Amino acid sequence: VQLQASGGGLVQAGGSLRLSCAVSGRTFSRGYMAWFRQAPGKEREFVATIRWSDDSTYYTDSVKGRFTISRDNAKNTVYLQMNSLKPEDTAVYYCAARVDYRLATTVTSYDYWGQGTQVTVSS
C-alpha cells in the first residue's frame, strides 16, 4: 500500500488549503483514512478521520468547523479541506490508513503512512 500526500504550501492566516492523499496498492472496504500533523518539536497528533464504509467523520476539537475530511472513491483519494487557517496549524501533515473497523486516533493504530506535506501558515 502506498499513500501519496500533496497540496501543502505557504498561506496567510485566514486562508485555505486542500490536501490530497492518493491511495494505491489496495482498496479499503472498511477501516479508516486519517490525517495527522506534526509541528516542530512536538509529537504527531491526530487531526481527522473518515470511515471508508459510510463516510463517517471525526475531528480533533481544534479543527472542528474549519477542516473537512472527505474522499473520492473513483480516484481512491482522501482530501483535507482546511479553511480559516491559523499559525498554530503549521505542521507537516501526514495521511494514514487503518485496516481495522474501529475508530482510532492514535499514531500506533494506523497501519500505513504517507510521506507528509508541509503546511505553513504565516501571521
N, C-alpha and C. Protein backbone atom coordinates (compact mmCIF):
# COMPACT_ATOMS: atom_id res chain seq x y z
N VAL A 1 0.84 -1.19 0.00
CA VAL A 1 0.00 0.00 0.00
C VAL A 1 0.88 1.24 0.00
N GLN A 2 0.52 2.18 -0.86
CA GLN A 2 1.25 3.46 -0.89
C GLN A 2 0.28 4.62 -0.72
N LEU A 3 0.66 5.56 0.11
CA LEU A 3 -0.11 6.77 0.32
C LEU A 3 0.74 7.95 -0.11
N GLN A 4 0.21 8.77 -0.99
CA GLN A 4 0.94 9.91 -1.52
C GLN A 4 0.20 11.19 -1.17
N ALA A 5 0.77 11.93 -0.23
CA ALA A 5 0.16 13.19 0.21
C ALA A 5 0.70 14.35 -0.61
N SER A 6 -0.17 15.32 -0.86
CA SER A 6 0.24 16.52 -1.60
C SER A 6 -0.68 17.67 -1.24
N GLY A 7 -0.31 18.88 -1.69
CA GLY A 7 -1.18 20.02 -1.51
C GLY A 7 -0.76 21.02 -0.47
N GLY A 8 0.31 20.73 0.24
CA GLY A 8 0.78 21.66 1.24
C GLY A 8 1.35 22.92 0.61
N GLY A 9 1.65 23.91 1.47
CA GLY A 9 2.22 25.14 0.98
C GLY A 9 2.23 26.20 2.04
N LEU A 10 2.50 27.42 1.60
CA LEU A 10 2.54 28.59 2.48
C LEU A 10 1.28 29.42 2.24
N VAL A 11 0.61 29.76 3.33
CA VAL A 11 -0.63 30.53 3.22
C VAL A 11 -0.70 31.50 4.39
N GLN A 12 -1.38 32.60 4.18
CA GLN A 12 -1.56 33.57 5.26
C GLN A 12 -2.67 33.11 6.20
N ALA A 13 -2.61 33.58 7.41
CA ALA A 13 -3.65 33.28 8.39
C ALA A 13 -5.01 33.69 7.82
N GLY A 14 -5.99 32.82 8.00
CA GLY A 14 -7.31 33.05 7.46
C GLY A 14 -7.53 32.43 6.09
N GLY A 15 -6.46 31.97 5.48
CA GLY A 15 -6.54 31.38 4.16
C GLY A 15 -6.94 29.91 4.20
N SER A 16 -6.90 29.30 3.00
CA SER A 16 -7.33 27.91 2.86
C SER A 16 -6.32 27.10 2.05
N LEU A 17 -6.31 25.81 2.31
CA LEU A 17 -5.54 24.85 1.53
C LEU A 17 -6.33 23.56 1.47
N ARG A 18 -6.11 22.79 0.40
CA ARG A 18 -6.70 21.46 0.34
C ARG A 18 -5.60 20.43 0.13
N LEU A 19 -5.50 19.52 1.07
CA LEU A 19 -4.53 18.43 0.97
C LEU A 19 -5.19 17.23 0.32
N SER A 20 -4.39 16.48 -0.41
CA SER A 20 -4.86 15.26 -1.05
C SER A 20 -3.98 14.08 -0.64
N CYS A 21 -4.59 12.91 -0.57
CA CYS A 21 -3.85 11.69 -0.27
C CYS A 21 -4.32 10.61 -1.23
N ALA A 22 -3.48 10.26 -2.17
CA ALA A 22 -3.82 9.23 -3.15
C ALA A 22 -3.38 7.87 -2.62
N VAL A 23 -4.31 6.92 -2.65
CA VAL A 23 -4.06 5.57 -2.13
C VAL A 23 -3.90 4.61 -3.30
N SER A 24 -2.84 3.83 -3.27
CA SER A 24 -2.63 2.82 -4.31
C SER A 24 -2.17 1.52 -3.68
N GLY A 25 -2.36 0.45 -4.38
CA GLY A 25 -1.89 -0.84 -3.91
C GLY A 25 -2.98 -1.73 -3.37
N ARG A 26 -4.05 -1.14 -2.85
CA ARG A 26 -5.19 -1.91 -2.38
C ARG A 26 -6.36 -0.98 -2.20
N THR A 27 -7.53 -1.56 -2.10
CA THR A 27 -8.71 -0.78 -1.77
C THR A 27 -9.17 -1.19 -0.37
N PHE A 28 -9.81 -0.26 0.31
CA PHE A 28 -10.27 -0.50 1.66
C PHE A 28 -11.79 -0.52 1.66
N SER A 29 -12.38 -1.65 1.98
CA SER A 29 -13.84 -1.71 2.06
C SER A 29 -14.32 -1.29 3.44
N ARG A 30 -13.46 -1.36 4.41
CA ARG A 30 -13.78 -0.88 5.73
C ARG A 30 -12.50 -0.26 6.30
N GLY A 31 -12.55 0.17 7.52
CA GLY A 31 -11.39 0.83 8.09
C GLY A 31 -11.48 2.32 7.88
N TYR A 32 -10.38 3.00 8.14
CA TYR A 32 -10.38 4.45 8.15
C TYR A 32 -9.18 5.02 7.40
N MET A 33 -9.38 6.23 6.89
CA MET A 33 -8.28 7.08 6.45
C MET A 33 -8.24 8.27 7.40
N ALA A 34 -7.05 8.77 7.65
CA ALA A 34 -6.92 9.86 8.61
C ALA A 34 -5.82 10.83 8.20
N TRP A 35 -5.90 12.01 8.78
CA TRP A 35 -4.83 12.98 8.69
C TRP A 35 -4.28 13.23 10.09
N PHE A 36 -2.97 13.25 10.18
CA PHE A 36 -2.25 13.63 11.39
C PHE A 36 -1.36 14.81 11.03
N ARG A 37 -0.83 15.45 12.05
CA ARG A 37 0.14 16.52 11.79
C ARG A 37 1.19 16.53 12.89
N GLN A 38 2.35 17.07 12.52
CA GLN A 38 3.44 17.15 13.47
C GLN A 38 4.14 18.49 13.31
N ALA A 39 4.06 19.29 14.36
CA ALA A 39 4.74 20.58 14.39
C ALA A 39 6.15 20.39 14.92
N PRO A 40 7.07 21.31 14.61
CA PRO A 40 8.45 21.18 15.08
C PRO A 40 8.52 21.04 16.59
N GLY A 41 9.24 20.04 17.05
CA GLY A 41 9.42 19.83 18.46
C GLY A 41 8.24 19.22 19.18
N LYS A 42 7.21 18.84 18.45
CA LYS A 42 6.02 18.27 19.06
C LYS A 42 5.77 16.87 18.53
N GLU A 43 4.94 16.14 19.25
CA GLU A 43 4.58 14.80 18.81
C GLU A 43 3.54 14.88 17.68
N ARG A 44 3.49 13.83 16.90
CA ARG A 44 2.49 13.75 15.86
C ARG A 44 1.11 13.63 16.51
N GLU A 45 0.16 14.41 16.01
CA GLU A 45 -1.17 14.42 16.60
C GLU A 45 -2.26 14.17 15.56
N PHE A 46 -3.35 13.60 16.04
CA PHE A 46 -4.49 13.31 15.21
C PHE A 46 -5.21 14.59 14.80
N VAL A 47 -5.70 14.62 13.54
CA VAL A 47 -6.45 15.77 13.05
C VAL A 47 -7.89 15.37 12.68
N ALA A 48 -8.03 14.38 11.81
CA ALA A 48 -9.36 13.99 11.33
C ALA A 48 -9.30 12.59 10.75
N THR A 49 -10.46 11.93 10.74
CA THR A 49 -10.54 10.61 10.15
C THR A 49 -11.89 10.42 9.46
N ILE A 50 -11.91 9.54 8.46
CA ILE A 50 -13.13 9.22 7.73
C ILE A 50 -13.20 7.71 7.53
N ARG A 51 -14.38 7.17 7.75
CA ARG A 51 -14.57 5.73 7.62
C ARG A 51 -14.94 5.38 6.18
N TRP A 52 -14.28 4.39 5.63
CA TRP A 52 -14.50 4.03 4.24
C TRP A 52 -15.93 3.57 3.98
N SER A 53 -16.53 2.85 4.94
CA SER A 53 -17.81 2.20 4.67
C SER A 53 -18.98 3.17 4.53
N ASP A 54 -18.94 4.29 5.28
CA ASP A 54 -20.11 5.17 5.27
C ASP A 54 -19.78 6.65 5.35
N ASP A 55 -18.49 7.00 5.19
CA ASP A 55 -18.05 8.40 5.23
C ASP A 55 -18.26 9.06 6.59
N SER A 56 -18.41 8.28 7.61
CA SER A 56 -18.50 8.86 8.94
C SER A 56 -17.17 9.55 9.28
N THR A 57 -17.24 10.73 9.89
CA THR A 57 -16.04 11.51 10.16
C THR A 57 -15.90 11.84 11.64
N TYR A 58 -14.67 12.15 12.00
CA TYR A 58 -14.38 12.53 13.39
C TYR A 58 -13.18 13.47 13.36
N TYR A 59 -13.25 14.55 14.19
CA TYR A 59 -12.22 15.58 14.18
C TYR A 59 -11.70 15.86 15.58
N THR A 60 -10.47 16.29 15.64
CA THR A 60 -9.98 16.80 16.90
C THR A 60 -10.64 18.17 17.13
N ASP A 61 -10.80 18.54 18.38
CA ASP A 61 -11.57 19.75 18.70
C ASP A 61 -11.01 21.01 18.06
N SER A 62 -9.70 21.12 17.96
CA SER A 62 -9.09 22.37 17.50
C SER A 62 -9.37 22.67 16.02
N VAL A 63 -9.83 21.69 15.26
CA VAL A 63 -10.09 21.92 13.83
C VAL A 63 -11.56 21.83 13.46
N LYS A 64 -12.39 21.48 14.42
CA LYS A 64 -13.82 21.37 14.13
C LYS A 64 -14.38 22.69 13.62
N GLY A 65 -15.17 22.60 12.55
CA GLY A 65 -15.74 23.80 11.95
C GLY A 65 -14.83 24.49 10.96
N ARG A 66 -13.56 24.10 10.92
CA ARG A 66 -12.61 24.72 9.98
C ARG A 66 -12.10 23.72 8.94
N PHE A 67 -11.91 22.49 9.34
CA PHE A 67 -11.37 21.46 8.44
C PHE A 67 -12.47 20.47 8.08
N THR A 68 -12.37 19.94 6.85
CA THR A 68 -13.31 18.92 6.41
C THR A 68 -12.55 17.81 5.71
N ILE A 69 -12.76 16.59 6.18
CA ILE A 69 -12.16 15.43 5.53
C ILE A 69 -13.21 14.79 4.63
N SER A 70 -12.79 14.38 3.45
CA SER A 70 -13.71 13.76 2.50
C SER A 70 -12.93 12.77 1.63
N ARG A 71 -13.66 12.01 0.83
CA ARG A 71 -12.97 11.05 -0.04
C ARG A 71 -13.68 10.95 -1.37
N ASP A 72 -12.91 10.51 -2.36
CA ASP A 72 -13.43 10.28 -3.70
C ASP A 72 -13.13 8.82 -4.04
N ASN A 73 -14.15 7.99 -4.04
CA ASN A 73 -13.95 6.56 -4.28
C ASN A 73 -13.35 6.29 -5.64
N ALA A 74 -13.84 7.01 -6.64
CA ALA A 74 -13.39 6.76 -8.01
C ALA A 74 -11.89 7.02 -8.16
N LYS A 75 -11.40 8.00 -7.41
CA LYS A 75 -9.98 8.36 -7.50
C LYS A 75 -9.17 7.73 -6.38
N ASN A 76 -9.84 7.00 -5.47
CA ASN A 76 -9.16 6.41 -4.32
C ASN A 76 -8.30 7.45 -3.61
N THR A 77 -8.91 8.59 -3.38
CA THR A 77 -8.20 9.74 -2.80
C THR A 77 -9.00 10.31 -1.64
N VAL A 78 -8.27 10.72 -0.62
CA VAL A 78 -8.86 11.38 0.54
C VAL A 78 -8.35 12.82 0.57
N TYR A 79 -9.23 13.73 0.97
CA TYR A 79 -8.90 15.15 1.00
C TYR A 79 -9.03 15.71 2.41
N LEU A 80 -8.31 16.78 2.65
CA LEU A 80 -8.49 17.57 3.86
C LEU A 80 -8.60 19.02 3.44
N GLN A 81 -9.81 19.55 3.46
CA GLN A 81 -10.02 20.95 3.17
C GLN A 81 -9.83 21.74 4.45
N MET A 82 -8.90 22.67 4.41
CA MET A 82 -8.55 23.45 5.60
C MET A 82 -8.87 24.92 5.35
N ASN A 83 -9.80 25.43 6.10
CA ASN A 83 -10.21 26.83 5.99
C ASN A 83 -9.87 27.57 7.28
N SER A 84 -9.90 28.88 7.20
CA SER A 84 -9.62 29.73 8.37
C SER A 84 -8.35 29.28 9.08
N LEU A 85 -7.32 29.08 8.31
CA LEU A 85 -6.07 28.56 8.87
C LEU A 85 -5.45 29.55 9.85
N LYS A 86 -4.80 28.98 10.86
CA LYS A 86 -4.14 29.75 11.91
C LYS A 86 -2.67 29.39 11.94
N PRO A 87 -1.83 30.28 12.46
CA PRO A 87 -0.39 29.95 12.56
C PRO A 87 -0.15 28.65 13.32
N GLU A 88 -0.97 28.34 14.28
CA GLU A 88 -0.78 27.11 15.05
C GLU A 88 -1.14 25.84 14.26
N ASP A 89 -1.67 26.00 13.06
CA ASP A 89 -1.90 24.85 12.18
C ASP A 89 -0.64 24.47 11.41
N THR A 90 0.41 25.28 11.53
CA THR A 90 1.66 24.99 10.84
C THR A 90 2.23 23.67 11.31
N ALA A 91 2.49 22.77 10.35
CA ALA A 91 2.99 21.43 10.68
C ALA A 91 3.22 20.67 9.38
N VAL A 92 3.87 19.53 9.52
CA VAL A 92 3.88 18.55 8.43
C VAL A 92 2.64 17.69 8.60
N TYR A 93 1.85 17.58 7.54
CA TYR A 93 0.62 16.81 7.59
C TYR A 93 0.83 15.46 6.92
N TYR A 94 0.39 14.41 7.60
CA TYR A 94 0.53 13.05 7.12
C TYR A 94 -0.84 12.40 6.94
N CYS A 95 -1.00 11.64 5.87
CA CYS A 95 -2.19 10.81 5.76
C CYS A 95 -1.84 9.40 6.19
N ALA A 96 -2.83 8.70 6.68
CA ALA A 96 -2.63 7.37 7.21
C ALA A 96 -3.86 6.51 6.97
N ALA A 97 -3.65 5.20 6.93
CA ALA A 97 -4.74 4.26 6.70
C ALA A 97 -4.77 3.22 7.80
N ARG A 98 -5.97 2.90 8.19
CA ARG A 98 -6.18 1.90 9.24
C ARG A 98 -7.09 0.82 8.69
N VAL A 99 -6.71 -0.42 8.82
CA VAL A 99 -7.49 -1.53 8.30
C VAL A 99 -8.64 -1.90 9.23
N ASP A 100 -8.40 -1.81 10.52
CA ASP A 100 -9.42 -2.20 11.49
C ASP A 100 -10.67 -1.32 11.38
N TYR A 101 -11.83 -1.88 11.70
CA TYR A 101 -13.10 -1.17 11.53
C TYR A 101 -13.42 -0.24 12.70
N ARG A 102 -12.64 -0.32 13.77
CA ARG A 102 -12.92 0.51 14.95
C ARG A 102 -12.23 1.86 14.86
N LEU A 103 -12.95 2.90 15.28
CA LEU A 103 -12.40 4.26 15.27
C LEU A 103 -11.17 4.35 16.17
N ALA A 104 -10.15 5.04 15.70
CA ALA A 104 -8.94 5.22 16.49
C ALA A 104 -8.29 6.55 16.14
N THR A 105 -7.62 7.14 17.11
CA THR A 105 -6.97 8.43 16.88
C THR A 105 -5.50 8.45 17.29
N THR A 106 -4.95 7.31 17.60
CA THR A 106 -3.54 7.26 18.00
C THR A 106 -2.66 6.88 16.81
N VAL A 107 -1.43 7.36 16.84
CA VAL A 107 -0.49 7.08 15.76
C VAL A 107 -0.29 5.59 15.56
N THR A 108 -0.16 4.86 16.66
CA THR A 108 0.14 3.44 16.57
C THR A 108 -1.03 2.60 16.06
N SER A 109 -2.21 3.20 15.97
CA SER A 109 -3.39 2.47 15.49
C SER A 109 -3.49 2.41 13.98
N TYR A 110 -2.65 3.16 13.29
CA TYR A 110 -2.71 3.24 11.84
C TYR A 110 -1.61 2.41 11.21
N ASP A 111 -1.98 1.72 10.11
CA ASP A 111 -1.12 0.70 9.54
C ASP A 111 -0.21 1.21 8.42
N TYR A 112 -0.67 2.21 7.71
CA TYR A 112 0.09 2.71 6.56
C TYR A 112 0.15 4.23 6.63
N TRP A 113 1.30 4.78 6.16
CA TRP A 113 1.54 6.22 6.26
C TRP A 113 2.07 6.77 4.95
N GLY A 114 1.65 8.00 4.66
CA GLY A 114 2.24 8.74 3.55
C GLY A 114 3.47 9.48 4.01
N GLN A 115 4.08 10.22 3.09
CA GLN A 115 5.38 10.83 3.36
C GLN A 115 5.29 12.20 4.03
N GLY A 116 4.11 12.80 4.08
CA GLY A 116 3.95 14.11 4.71
C GLY A 116 4.05 15.25 3.72
N THR A 117 3.31 16.31 4.01
CA THR A 117 3.35 17.52 3.20
C THR A 117 3.34 18.72 4.15
N GLN A 118 4.20 19.69 3.88
CA GLN A 118 4.37 20.83 4.79
C GLN A 118 3.28 21.87 4.59
N VAL A 119 2.68 22.28 5.69
CA VAL A 119 1.73 23.39 5.69
C VAL A 119 2.29 24.47 6.60
N THR A 120 2.46 25.67 6.06
CA THR A 120 2.97 26.79 6.84
C THR A 120 1.97 27.93 6.76
N VAL A 121 1.53 28.39 7.92
CA VAL A 121 0.56 29.48 7.98
C VAL A 121 1.25 30.69 8.61
N SER A 122 1.33 31.75 7.87
CA SER A 122 2.01 32.96 8.36
C SER A 122 0.99 33.90 9.00
N SER A 123 1.46 34.64 9.99
CA SER A 123 0.56 35.55 10.72
C SER A 123 0.55 36.94 10.10
